[in-house]
Amino acid sequence: MKHAPSIAATRLDHLVFVIVTLLYWTNMYIYVPILPPYMQESGYSAMLIGIVLGSYGFTQMLIRFPLGLLSDKLHKRKPFLMIGMLSGALSCYLFTMPDSWLWPLAGRMMSGVCASAWVAFTVLYAAYYASNEATKAMSNISFLTVGGQLIGMTLSGWLSDTFDWNAAFIAGIGIGLAGFLLVLAVKEPKGGVARAPISLHHLGEVVRTPSLIRVSILSILGHCVLFITMFGFTPLKATELGADSGQLTLVVIAFMIPHAIASLLAGRTLAPRFGTWNITALGFVLSAICTVSIIYSDSLSMLIVTQAVNGFAQGLYLPLLLGMAIQPFEMNKRATAMGFYQAVYSIGMFAGPFLAGFMNEGFGLDSGFWLGGAFAAAALLLTLKWKGTS
């Protein structure tokens, strides 16, 4: 039986969507590596840096699920792509405002709004493929995610090194606005794109599922580690070791490329051969070791080694947890499970840098990495405890 895509998309339609997706992630990550050193140089405390970094996850925790509900109710995805692009541009603009810590806080919260629009991208892009090619569609868009993040984070260091801190934010404004205009050319039928929707009716049943609860807890801990390290305070450690803005790019590349490779290998090769829980446990043990090793890195080259291994380790467990979150559910409940899972792991994006910021304020930068290592170790113990459970 031949399956047909929900949207008859041409090569040009695919190309437009690919460019929009790359612009979306580039816009969102173009200032991520420089944000902690920028705020430190601006005179903000470690505690306030942690609050600003954590606000990204806090916003998603509140609005990701409702935004998904609204998108499913309207059957429209394109307006949410526009919201994502505009909020990304506004986020960058708010960072250019001087003289108050409220502006970077508002900017990072607005970036959380931008990130919350991501579910609309995935649903619309999946409609460009036949139903039996869903895995191919998600694999492609996952690769675009990492690609856009890498482009943004690489540009971040180069722009701030070549010009000044504000250059990355100004570029982000331009990228967000360009993406908004290009969204107008994205193909979506007038009637929108339907899917098995996020359902409040199924929510009670879904959230009581033991396997989803276990995987969500592990994902919270995993995202705590990610947003304490590369998407949090690792750039500050690099600047402590003498890295300039350009050298931050090397640290980013060292993390992101192994992260992308591991994401591709984890589900396709490693998990089928060695077992999903075993690879998840391997990822957490490596991440625990590498996060603590950041503390003992006394040179930039040593820090880069820790980032390469940590990037690979985190790339092992994050995509596997995503797959395990929806695996037990029938198709009509998977959107609800995914919406809940994404809202819940946002707790880690918030709690990790928020708690690390408080510890850094009281006990110094290294204390936050001890906390990240403890989160990874706790996740490892839980993974070993839950291994083999359904």
Foldseek 3Di string as FASTA:
>chain_A
DDFDFLDQDDPVLVVLLLLLLLLLLLLLQLALLPQVVVVVVVPDALLLLLQLQLLLLVLLLPPLLVVQQVCQVQLALLVLSLLLLQLSLVLLVLVVDDDDSVSSSSSSNSSSSNVSSVVSSLQLQCSNDGPVCSVVSVLVSVLSNLNSNLNSLLNNLVQCVVPRNSRSSNVSNVSSVVSSVSSVVNDADPSHHHFLGQDPVCLVVLVVDVLLVLLLLLLLLLLLLVCLDNSHCVSVLLVVQPDHSNVSSLLSCLQSVLLSVLLVCQVPPPCVVPNLLVLLLVLLVLLLVLLLVSLVDNHNVSNSVSNNSNSNSSSNNPNSSLCSQQVVDDRSNSNNSNSVSSSSSSNSSNPNSNVQSVCCSPPNNSVSSNVSSVSSVVSSVSSVVCPPPD
